[in-house]
All heavy atoms as atom14 arrays in JSON, in Angstrom:
{
  "sequence": "WLALVYIVVAFTDMTANMFIGAMDPVTGVSYKAAADVPAGAAGG",
  "atom14_mask": [
    [1, 1, 1, 1, 1, 1, 1, 1, 1, 1, 1, 1, 1, 1],
    [1, 1, 1, 1, 1, 1, 1, 1, 0, 0, 0, 0, 0, 0],
    [1, 1, 1, 1, 1, 0, 0, 0, 0, 0, 0, 0, 0, 0],
    [1, 1, 1, 1, 1, 1, 1, 1, 0, 0, 0, 0, 0, 0],
    [1, 1, 1, 1, 1, 1, 1, 0, 0, 0, 0, 0, 0, 0],
    [1, 1, 1, 1, 1, 1, 1, 1, 1, 1, 1, 1, 0, 0],
    [1, 1, 1, 1, 1, 1, 1, 1, 0, 0, 0, 0, 0, 0],
    [1, 1, 1, 1, 1, 1, 1, 0, 0, 0, 0, 0, 0, 0],
    [1, 1, 1, 1, 1, 1, 1, 0, 0, 0, 0, 0, 0, 0],
    [1, 1, 1, 1, 1, 0, 0, 0, 0, 0, 0, 0, 0, 0],
    [1, 1, 1, 1, 1, 1, 1, 1, 1, 1, 1, 0, 0, 0],
    [1, 1, 1, 1, 1, 1, 1, 0, 0, 0, 0, 0, 0, 0],
    [1, 1, 1, 1, 1, 1, 1, 1, 0, 0, 0, 0, 0, 0],
    [1, 1, 1, 1, 1, 1, 1, 1, 0, 0, 0, 0, 0, 0],
    [1, 1, 1, 1, 1, 1, 1, 0, 0, 0, 0, 0, 0, 0],
    [1, 1, 1, 1, 1, 0, 0, 0, 0, 0, 0, 0, 0, 0],
    [1, 1, 1, 1, 1, 1, 1, 1, 0, 0, 0, 0, 0, 0],
    [1, 1, 1, 1, 1, 1, 1, 1, 0, 0, 0, 0, 0, 0],
    [1, 1, 1, 1, 1, 1, 1, 1, 1, 1, 1, 0, 0, 0],
    [1, 1, 1, 1, 1, 1, 1, 1, 0, 0, 0, 0, 0, 0],
    [1, 1, 1, 1, 0, 0, 0, 0, 0, 0, 0, 0, 0, 0],
    [1, 1, 1, 1, 1, 0, 0, 0, 0, 0, 0, 0, 0, 0],
    [1, 1, 1, 1, 1, 1, 1, 1, 0, 0, 0, 0, 0, 0],
    [1, 1, 1, 1, 1, 1, 1, 1, 0, 0, 0, 0, 0, 0],
    [1, 1, 1, 1, 1, 1, 1, 0, 0, 0, 0, 0, 0, 0],
    [1, 1, 1, 1, 1, 1, 1, 0, 0, 0, 0, 0, 0, 0],
    [1, 1, 1, 1, 1, 1, 1, 0, 0, 0, 0, 0, 0, 0],
    [1, 1, 1, 1, 0, 0, 0, 0, 0, 0, 0, 0, 0, 0],
    [1, 1, 1, 1, 1, 1, 1, 0, 0, 0, 0, 0, 0, 0],
    [1, 1, 1, 1, 1, 1, 0, 0, 0, 0, 0, 0, 0, 0],
    [1, 1, 1, 1, 1, 1, 1, 1, 1, 1, 1, 1, 0, 0],
    [1, 1, 1, 1, 1, 1, 1, 1, 1, 0, 0, 0, 0, 0],
    [1, 1, 1, 1, 1, 0, 0, 0, 0, 0, 0, 0, 0, 0],
    [1, 1, 1, 1, 1, 0, 0, 0, 0, 0, 0, 0, 0, 0],
    [1, 1, 1, 1, 1, 0, 0, 0, 0, 0, 0, 0, 0, 0],
    [1, 1, 1, 1, 1, 1, 1, 1, 0, 0, 0, 0, 0, 0],
    [1, 1, 1, 1, 1, 1, 1, 0, 0, 0, 0, 0, 0, 0],
    [1, 1, 1, 1, 1, 1, 1, 0, 0, 0, 0, 0, 0, 0],
    [1, 1, 1, 1, 1, 0, 0, 0, 0, 0, 0, 0, 0, 0],
    [1, 1, 1, 1, 0, 0, 0, 0, 0, 0, 0, 0, 0, 0],
    [1, 1, 1, 1, 1, 0, 0, 0, 0, 0, 0, 0, 0, 0],
    [1, 1, 1, 1, 1, 0, 0, 0, 0, 0, 0, 0, 0, 0],
    [1, 1, 1, 1, 0, 0, 0, 0, 0, 0, 0, 0, 0, 0],
    [1, 1, 1, 1, 0, 0, 0, 0, 0, 0, 0, 0, 0, 0]
  ],
  "atom14_positions": [
    [[-3.4, -42.76, -7.75], [-3.41, -41.75, -8.81], [-4.53, -40.73, -8.57], [-4.31, -39.52, -8.69], [-3.57, -42.4, -10.18], [-3.38, -41.41, -11.29], [-2.2, -40.98, -11.81], [-4.41, -40.7, -11.99], [-2.42, -40.04, -12.8], [-3.77, -39.85, -12.94], [-5.8, -40.71, -11.93], [-4.48, -39.02, -13.79], [-6.5, -39.87, -12.79], [-5.86, -39.05, -13.71]],
    [[-5.71, -41.2, -8.21], [-6.82, -40.28, -7.94], [-6.51, -39.39, -6.73], [-6.83, -38.2, -6.72], [-8.11, -41.06, -7.7], [-8.68, -41.79, -8.93], [-9.88, -42.65, -8.52], [-9.09, -40.79, -10.01], [0.0, 0.0, 0.0], [0.0, 0.0, 0.0], [0.0, 0.0, 0.0], [0.0, 0.0, 0.0], [0.0, 0.0, 0.0], [0.0, 0.0, 0.0]],
    [[-5.89, -39.97, -5.71], [-5.52, -39.18, -4.53], [-4.49, -38.11, -4.9], [-4.54, -36.98, -4.41], [-4.96, -40.09, -3.43], [0.0, 0.0, 0.0], [0.0, 0.0, 0.0], [0.0, 0.0, 0.0], [0.0, 0.0, 0.0], [0.0, 0.0, 0.0], [0.0, 0.0, 0.0], [0.0, 0.0, 0.0], [0.0, 0.0, 0.0], [0.0, 0.0, 0.0]],
    [[-3.56, -38.44, -5.79], [-2.56, -37.47, -6.24], [-3.21, -36.32, -6.99], [-2.77, -35.17, -6.88], [-1.51, -38.16, -7.12], [-0.54, -39.1, -6.41], [0.31, -39.85, -7.43], [0.36, -38.33, -5.44], [0.0, 0.0, 0.0], [0.0, 0.0, 0.0], [0.0, 0.0, 0.0], [0.0, 0.0, 0.0], [0.0, 0.0, 0.0], [0.0, 0.0, 0.0]],
    [[-4.25, -36.62, -7.75], [-4.97, -35.56, -8.47], [-5.56, -34.57, -7.47], [-5.47, -33.35, -7.65], [-6.09, -36.17, -9.35], [-7.05, -35.08, -9.85], [-5.47, -36.88, -10.55], [0.0, 0.0, 0.0], [0.0, 0.0, 0.0], [0.0, 0.0, 0.0], [0.0, 0.0, 0.0], [0.0, 0.0, 0.0], [0.0, 0.0, 0.0], [0.0, 0.0, 0.0]],
    [[-6.16, -35.08, -6.4], [-6.72, -34.21, -5.36], [-5.62, -33.31, -4.76], [-5.83, -32.12, -4.53], [-7.35, -35.04, -4.25], [-8.78, -35.45, -4.49], [-9.37, -36.46, -3.74], [-9.56, -34.82, -5.45], [-10.69, -36.84, -3.94], [-10.87, -35.19, -5.67], [-11.44, -36.2, -4.91], [-12.74, -36.56, -5.12], [0.0, 0.0, 0.0], [0.0, 0.0, 0.0]],
    [[-4.45, -33.89, -4.5], [-3.36, -33.13, -3.91], [-2.92, -32.01, -4.84], [-2.73, -30.86, -4.43], [-2.17, -34.06, -3.58], [-2.56, -35.08, -2.51], [-0.96, -33.24, -3.12], [-1.5, -36.14, -2.26], [0.0, 0.0, 0.0], [0.0, 0.0, 0.0], [0.0, 0.0, 0.0], [0.0, 0.0, 0.0], [0.0, 0.0, 0.0], [0.0, 0.0, 0.0]],
    [[-2.75, -32.34, -6.13], [-2.3, -31.34, -7.11], [-3.31, -30.21, -7.23], [-2.94, -29.03, -7.27], [-2.04, -32.0, -8.48], [-1.74, -30.94, -9.54], [-0.87, -32.98, -8.39], [0.0, 0.0, 0.0], [0.0, 0.0, 0.0], [0.0, 0.0, 0.0], [0.0, 0.0, 0.0], [0.0, 0.0, 0.0], [0.0, 0.0, 0.0], [0.0, 0.0, 0.0]],
    [[-4.61, -30.55, -7.27], [-5.65, -29.51, -7.38], [-5.59, -28.58, -6.17], [-5.58, -27.35, -6.31], [-7.04, -30.15, -7.49], [-8.13, -29.08, -7.38], [-7.19, -30.86, -8.83], [0.0, 0.0, 0.0], [0.0, 0.0, 0.0], [0.0, 0.0, 0.0], [0.0, 0.0, 0.0], [0.0, 0.0, 0.0], [0.0, 0.0, 0.0], [0.0, 0.0, 0.0]],
    [[-5.57, -29.15, -4.97], [-5.62, -28.35, -3.75], [-4.43, -27.41, -3.64], [-4.58, -26.2, -3.38], [-5.69, -29.26, -2.52], [0.0, 0.0, 0.0], [0.0, 0.0, 0.0], [0.0, 0.0, 0.0], [0.0, 0.0, 0.0], [0.0, 0.0, 0.0], [0.0, 0.0, 0.0], [0.0, 0.0, 0.0], [0.0, 0.0, 0.0], [0.0, 0.0, 0.0]],
    [[-3.22, -27.94, -3.86], [-2.03, -27.12, -3.66], [-1.78, -26.15, -4.82], [-1.22, -25.07, -4.61], [-0.81, -28.0, -3.4], [-0.78, -28.61, -2.03], [-0.62, -29.97, -1.86], [-0.93, -27.82, -0.91], [-0.59, -30.53, -0.59], [-0.91, -28.37, 0.37], [-0.74, -29.72, 0.53], [0.0, 0.0, 0.0], [0.0, 0.0, 0.0], [0.0, 0.0, 0.0]],
    [[-2.16, -26.53, -6.02], [-2.01, -25.61, -7.16], [-2.87, -24.37, -6.95], [-2.38, -23.23, -7.07], [-2.41, -26.29, -8.47], [-1.51, -27.37, -8.75], [-2.37, -25.31, -9.65], [0.0, 0.0, 0.0], [0.0, 0.0, 0.0], [0.0, 0.0, 0.0], [0.0, 0.0, 0.0], [0.0, 0.0, 0.0], [0.0, 0.0, 0.0], [0.0, 0.0, 0.0]],
    [[-4.14, -24.57, -6.64], [-5.04, -23.42, -6.5], [-4.7, -22.6, -5.26], [-4.85, -21.37, -5.26], [-6.49, -23.89, -6.45], [-7.47, -22.75, -6.64], [-7.48, -22.14, -7.73], [-8.21, -22.44, -5.7], [0.0, 0.0, 0.0], [0.0, 0.0, 0.0], [0.0, 0.0, 0.0], [0.0, 0.0, 0.0], [0.0, 0.0, 0.0], [0.0, 0.0, 0.0]],
    [[-4.24, -23.26, -4.2], [-3.86, -22.52, -2.99], [-2.69, -21.59, -3.3], [-2.68, -20.42, -2.9], [-3.47, -23.51, -1.9], [-3.14, -22.86, -0.57], [-2.68, -24.11, 0.65], [-4.21, -25.02, 0.8], [0.0, 0.0, 0.0], [0.0, 0.0, 0.0], [0.0, 0.0, 0.0], [0.0, 0.0, 0.0], [0.0, 0.0, 0.0], [0.0, 0.0, 0.0]],
    [[-1.69, -22.1, -4.04], [-0.53, -21.28, -4.39], [-0.93, -20.15, -5.33], [-0.47, -19.01, -5.17], [0.55, -22.15, -5.04], [0.86, -23.24, -4.18], [1.81, -21.35, -5.32], [0.0, 0.0, 0.0], [0.0, 0.0, 0.0], [0.0, 0.0, 0.0], [0.0, 0.0, 0.0], [0.0, 0.0, 0.0], [0.0, 0.0, 0.0], [0.0, 0.0, 0.0]],
    [[-1.78, -20.44, -6.31], [-2.22, -19.42, -7.26], [-2.92, -18.27, -6.55], [-2.7, -17.09, -6.87], [-3.14, -20.03, -8.31], [0.0, 0.0, 0.0], [0.0, 0.0, 0.0], [0.0, 0.0, 0.0], [0.0, 0.0, 0.0], [0.0, 0.0, 0.0], [0.0, 0.0, 0.0], [0.0, 0.0, 0.0], [0.0, 0.0, 0.0], [0.0, 0.0, 0.0]],
    [[-3.75, -18.58, -5.57], [-4.44, -17.54, -4.81], [-3.47, -16.72, -3.97], [-3.71, -15.54, -3.71], [-5.51, -18.17, -3.92], [-6.82, -18.41, -4.64], [-7.67, -17.54, -4.72], [-6.97, -19.61, -5.2], [0.0, 0.0, 0.0], [0.0, 0.0, 0.0], [0.0, 0.0, 0.0], [0.0, 0.0, 0.0], [0.0, 0.0, 0.0], [0.0, 0.0, 0.0]],
    [[-2.35, -17.34, -3.56], [-1.37, -16.63, -2.75], [-0.6, -15.59, -3.55], [0.01, -14.68, -2.98], [-0.37, -17.62, -2.15], [-0.9, -18.41, -0.98], [0.36, -19.55, -0.37], [1.66, -18.41, 0.05], [0.0, 0.0, 0.0], [0.0, 0.0, 0.0], [0.0, 0.0, 0.0], [0.0, 0.0, 0.0], [0.0, 0.0, 0.0], [0.0, 0.0, 0.0]],
    [[-0.58, -15.69, -4.87], [0.16, -14.76, -5.71], [-0.63, -13.5, -6.06], [-0.14, -12.62, -6.76], [0.59, -15.45, -7.01], [1.69, -16.46, -6.84], [1.92, -17.43, -7.8], [2.49, -16.46, -5.71], [2.92, -18.36, -7.66], [3.5, -17.39, -5.55], [3.72, -18.34, -6.52], [0.0, 0.0, 0.0], [0.0, 0.0, 0.0], [0.0, 0.0, 0.0]],
    [[-1.87, -13.43, -5.58], [-2.75, -12.3, -5.91], [-3.08, -11.51, -4.64], [-3.36, -12.09, -3.6], [-4.06, -12.79, -6.57], [-3.75, -13.71, -7.76], [-4.92, -11.62, -7.01], [-2.91, -13.06, -8.84], [0.0, 0.0, 0.0], [0.0, 0.0, 0.0], [0.0, 0.0, 0.0], [0.0, 0.0, 0.0], [0.0, 0.0, 0.0], [0.0, 0.0, 0.0]],
    [[-3.09, -10.18, -4.77], [-3.48, -9.33, -3.65], [-2.29, -8.84, -2.86], [-1.14, -8.83, -3.32], [0.0, 0.0, 0.0], [0.0, 0.0, 0.0], [0.0, 0.0, 0.0], [0.0, 0.0, 0.0], [0.0, 0.0, 0.0], [0.0, 0.0, 0.0], [0.0, 0.0, 0.0], [0.0, 0.0, 0.0], [0.0, 0.0, 0.0], [0.0, 0.0, 0.0]],
    [[-2.56, -8.41, -1.64], [-1.52, -7.85, -0.77], [-2.02, -7.89, 0.67], [-3.19, -8.16, 0.93], [-1.19, -6.41, -1.18], [0.0, 0.0, 0.0], [0.0, 0.0, 0.0], [0.0, 0.0, 0.0], [0.0, 0.0, 0.0], [0.0, 0.0, 0.0], [0.0, 0.0, 0.0], [0.0, 0.0, 0.0], [0.0, 0.0, 0.0], [0.0, 0.0, 0.0]],
    [[-1.11, -7.62, 1.6], [-1.49, -7.56, 3.0], [-0.62, -6.53, 3.71], [0.51, -6.25, 3.3], [-1.37, -8.92, 3.68], [0.04, -9.45, 3.83], [0.14, -11.01, 4.74], [-0.29, -10.47, 6.38], [0.0, 0.0, 0.0], [0.0, 0.0, 0.0], [0.0, 0.0, 0.0], [0.0, 0.0, 0.0], [0.0, 0.0, 0.0], [0.0, 0.0, 0.0]],
    [[-1.18, -5.94, 4.74], [-0.44, -5.0, 5.59], [-0.19, -5.68, 6.92], [-1.11, -5.86, 7.73], [-1.26, -3.72, 5.8], [-0.46, -2.63, 6.51], [0.47, -2.99, 7.24], [-0.77, -1.44, 6.34], [0.0, 0.0, 0.0], [0.0, 0.0, 0.0], [0.0, 0.0, 0.0], [0.0, 0.0, 0.0], [0.0, 0.0, 0.0], [0.0, 0.0, 0.0]],
    [[1.04, -6.13, 7.17], [1.33, -6.85, 8.41], [1.11, -6.01, 9.67], [0.88, -6.57, 10.74], [2.82, -7.21, 8.26], [3.12, -7.08, 6.81], [2.22, -6.01, 6.3], [0.0, 0.0, 0.0], [0.0, 0.0, 0.0], [0.0, 0.0, 0.0], [0.0, 0.0, 0.0], [0.0, 0.0, 0.0], [0.0, 0.0, 0.0], [0.0, 0.0, 0.0]],
    [[1.16, -4.7, 9.53], [1.01, -3.83, 10.7], [-0.44, -3.74, 11.14], [-0.79, -3.91, 12.31], [1.58, -2.43, 10.42], [1.33, -1.51, 11.61], [3.07, -2.51, 10.11], [0.0, 0.0, 0.0], [0.0, 0.0, 0.0], [0.0, 0.0, 0.0], [0.0, 0.0, 0.0], [0.0, 0.0, 0.0], [0.0, 0.0, 0.0], [0.0, 0.0, 0.0]],
    [[-1.34, -3.5, 10.17], [-2.77, -3.35, 10.5], [-3.52, -4.67, 10.43], [-4.63, -4.78, 10.96], [-3.43, -2.35, 9.54], [-3.37, -2.87, 8.2], [-2.73, -1.01, 9.58], [0.0, 0.0, 0.0], [0.0, 0.0, 0.0], [0.0, 0.0, 0.0], [0.0, 0.0, 0.0], [0.0, 0.0, 0.0], [0.0, 0.0, 0.0], [0.0, 0.0, 0.0]],
    [[-2.92, -5.67, 9.75], [-3.61, -6.96, 9.6], [-4.64, -6.96, 8.49], [-5.39, -7.92, 8.34], [0.0, 0.0, 0.0], [0.0, 0.0, 0.0], [0.0, 0.0, 0.0], [0.0, 0.0, 0.0], [0.0, 0.0, 0.0], [0.0, 0.0, 0.0], [0.0, 0.0, 0.0], [0.0, 0.0, 0.0], [0.0, 0.0, 0.0], [0.0, 0.0, 0.0]],
    [[-4.67, -5.9, 7.67], [-5.63, -5.8, 6.58], [-5.08, -6.53, 5.35], [-3.91, -6.39, 5.02], [-5.91, -4.32, 6.22], [-6.83, -4.23, 5.0], [-6.52, -3.6, 7.41], [0.0, 0.0, 0.0], [0.0, 0.0, 0.0], [0.0, 0.0, 0.0], [0.0, 0.0, 0.0], [0.0, 0.0, 0.0], [0.0, 0.0, 0.0], [0.0, 0.0, 0.0]],
    [[-5.93, -7.32, 4.69], [-5.54, -7.99, 3.46], [-6.38, -7.44, 2.3], [-7.51, -6.99, 2.49], [-5.73, -9.5, 3.57], [-7.09, -9.82, 3.82], [0.0, 0.0, 0.0], [0.0, 0.0, 0.0], [0.0, 0.0, 0.0], [0.0, 0.0, 0.0], [0.0, 0.0, 0.0], [0.0, 0.0, 0.0], [0.0, 0.0, 0.0], [0.0, 0.0, 0.0]],
    [[-5.81, -7.47, 1.11], [-6.46, -6.95, -0.08], [-6.55, -8.07, -1.11], [-5.57, -8.76, -1.39], [-5.66, -5.78, -0.66], [-5.43, -4.65, 0.33], [-4.27, -4.62, 1.12], [-6.37, -3.64, 0.49], [-4.06, -3.6, 2.03], [-6.16, -2.62, 1.42], [-5.0, -2.61, 2.18], [-4.79, -1.59, 3.09], [0.0, 0.0, 0.0], [0.0, 0.0, 0.0]],
    [[-7.75, -8.23, -1.68], [-7.98, -9.31, -2.63], [-7.25, -9.09, -3.94], [-6.96, -10.04, -4.67], [-9.49, -9.47, -2.9], [-10.28, -9.97, -1.7], [-9.88, -11.38, -1.31], [-10.75, -11.92, -0.18], [-10.32, -13.28, 0.24], [0.0, 0.0, 0.0], [0.0, 0.0, 0.0], [0.0, 0.0, 0.0], [0.0, 0.0, 0.0], [0.0, 0.0, 0.0]],
    [[-7.0, -7.83, -4.29], [-6.31, -7.5, -5.53], [-5.29, -6.41, -5.25], [-5.48, -5.58, -4.36], [-7.3, -7.05, -6.6], [0.0, 0.0, 0.0], [0.0, 0.0, 0.0], [0.0, 0.0, 0.0], [0.0, 0.0, 0.0], [0.0, 0.0, 0.0], [0.0, 0.0, 0.0], [0.0, 0.0, 0.0], [0.0, 0.0, 0.0], [0.0, 0.0, 0.0]],
    [[-4.2, -6.4, -6.03], [-3.17, -5.39, -5.83], [-3.73, -3.99, -6.06], [-3.31, -3.03, -5.42], [-1.99, -5.66, -6.76], [0.0, 0.0, 0.0], [0.0, 0.0, 0.0], [0.0, 0.0, 0.0], [0.0, 0.0, 0.0], [0.0, 0.0, 0.0], [0.0, 0.0, 0.0], [0.0, 0.0, 0.0], [0.0, 0.0, 0.0], [0.0, 0.0, 0.0]],
    [[-4.7, -3.87, -6.98], [-5.29, -2.57, -7.29], [-6.09, -2.01, -6.12], [-6.38, -0.8, -6.08], [-6.19, -2.68, -8.53], [0.0, 0.0, 0.0], [0.0, 0.0, 0.0], [0.0, 0.0, 0.0], [0.0, 0.0, 0.0], [0.0, 0.0, 0.0], [0.0, 0.0, 0.0], [0.0, 0.0, 0.0], [0.0, 0.0, 0.0], [0.0, 0.0, 0.0]],
    [[-6.46, -2.85, -5.17], [-7.24, -2.39, -4.01], [-6.39, -1.72, -2.94], [-6.92, -1.13, -2.0], [-8.01, -3.57, -3.39], [-9.03, -4.17, -4.34], [-9.47, -3.46, -5.26], [-9.39, -5.35, -4.16], [0.0, 0.0, 0.0], [0.0, 0.0, 0.0], [0.0, 0.0, 0.0], [0.0, 0.0, 0.0], [0.0, 0.0, 0.0], [0.0, 0.0, 0.0]],
    [[-5.06, -1.85, -3.06], [-4.18, -1.23, -2.07], [-4.3, 0.29, -2.18], [-4.23, 0.84, -3.28], [-2.71, -1.66, -2.3], [-1.79, -0.97, -1.32], [-2.59, -3.17, -2.16], [0.0, 0.0, 0.0], [0.0, 0.0, 0.0], [0.0, 0.0, 0.0], [0.0, 0.0, 0.0], [0.0, 0.0, 0.0], [0.0, 0.0, 0.0], [0.0, 0.0, 0.0]],
    [[-4.5, 0.99, -1.07], [-4.67, 2.45, -1.12], [-3.49, 3.16, -1.78], [-2.34, 2.7, -1.67], [-4.79, 2.85, 0.36], [-5.19, 1.6, 1.06], [-4.59, 0.47, 0.3], [0.0, 0.0, 0.0], [0.0, 0.0, 0.0], [0.0, 0.0, 0.0], [0.0, 0.0, 0.0], [0.0, 0.0, 0.0], [0.0, 0.0, 0.0], [0.0, 0.0, 0.0]],
    [[-3.8, 4.23, -2.48], [-2.74, 5.03, -3.11], [-1.78, 5.55, -2.05], [-2.18, 5.98, -0.97], [-3.37, 6.2, -3.87], [0.0, 0.0, 0.0], [0.0, 0.0, 0.0], [0.0, 0.0, 0.0], [0.0, 0.0, 0.0], [0.0, 0.0, 0.0], [0.0, 0.0, 0.0], [0.0, 0.0, 0.0], [0.0, 0.0, 0.0], [0.0, 0.0, 0.0]],
    [[-0.49, 5.46, -2.35], [0.51, 5.93, -1.41], [1.13, 4.81, -0.59], [2.22, 4.96, -0.06], [0.0, 0.0, 0.0], [0.0, 0.0, 0.0], [0.0, 0.0, 0.0], [0.0, 0.0, 0.0], [0.0, 0.0, 0.0], [0.0, 0.0, 0.0], [0.0, 0.0, 0.0], [0.0, 0.0, 0.0], [0.0, 0.0, 0.0], [0.0, 0.0, 0.0]],
    [[0.4, 3.68, -0.46], [0.98, 2.54, 0.25], [2.06, 1.93, -0.63], [1.95, 1.92, -1.85], [-0.09, 1.51, 0.57], [0.0, 0.0, 0.0], [0.0, 0.0, 0.0], [0.0, 0.0, 0.0], [0.0, 0.0, 0.0], [0.0, 0.0, 0.0], [0.0, 0.0, 0.0], [0.0, 0.0, 0.0], [0.0, 0.0, 0.0], [0.0, 0.0, 0.0]],
    [[3.11, 1.42, -0.03], [4.23, 0.93, -0.83], [4.73, -0.4, -0.35], [4.64, -0.73, 0.82], [5.37, 1.95, -0.8], [0.0, 0.0, 0.0], [0.0, 0.0, 0.0], [0.0, 0.0, 0.0], [0.0, 0.0, 0.0], [0.0, 0.0, 0.0], [0.0, 0.0, 0.0], [0.0, 0.0, 0.0], [0.0, 0.0, 0.0], [0.0, 0.0, 0.0]],
    [[5.28, -1.15, -1.3], [5.95, -2.4, -0.97], [7.42, -2.1, -0.72], [7.79, -1.0, -0.32], [0.0, 0.0, 0.0], [0.0, 0.0, 0.0], [0.0, 0.0, 0.0], [0.0, 0.0, 0.0], [0.0, 0.0, 0.0], [0.0, 0.0, 0.0], [0.0, 0.0, 0.0], [0.0, 0.0, 0.0], [0.0, 0.0, 0.0], [0.0, 0.0, 0.0]],
    [[8.28, -3.06, -1.04], [9.7, -2.83, -0.81], [9.99, -2.62, 0.65], [9.75, -3.47, 1.48], [0.0, 0.0, 0.0], [0.0, 0.0, 0.0], [0.0, 0.0, 0.0], [0.0, 0.0, 0.0], [0.0, 0.0, 0.0], [0.0, 0.0, 0.0], [0.0, 0.0, 0.0], [0.0, 0.0, 0.0], [0.0, 0.0, 0.0], [0.0, 0.0, 0.0]]
  ]
}
């Protein structure tokens, strides 16, 4: 049970961090927050 708690903590927070920010696959630049993405850059 204690080991399962460790697993849930690690994977929950890892996934939560993955839902925030953005990345540019071409330049390899990552952004900690969506608001940090330069104006004019687009998703889709």
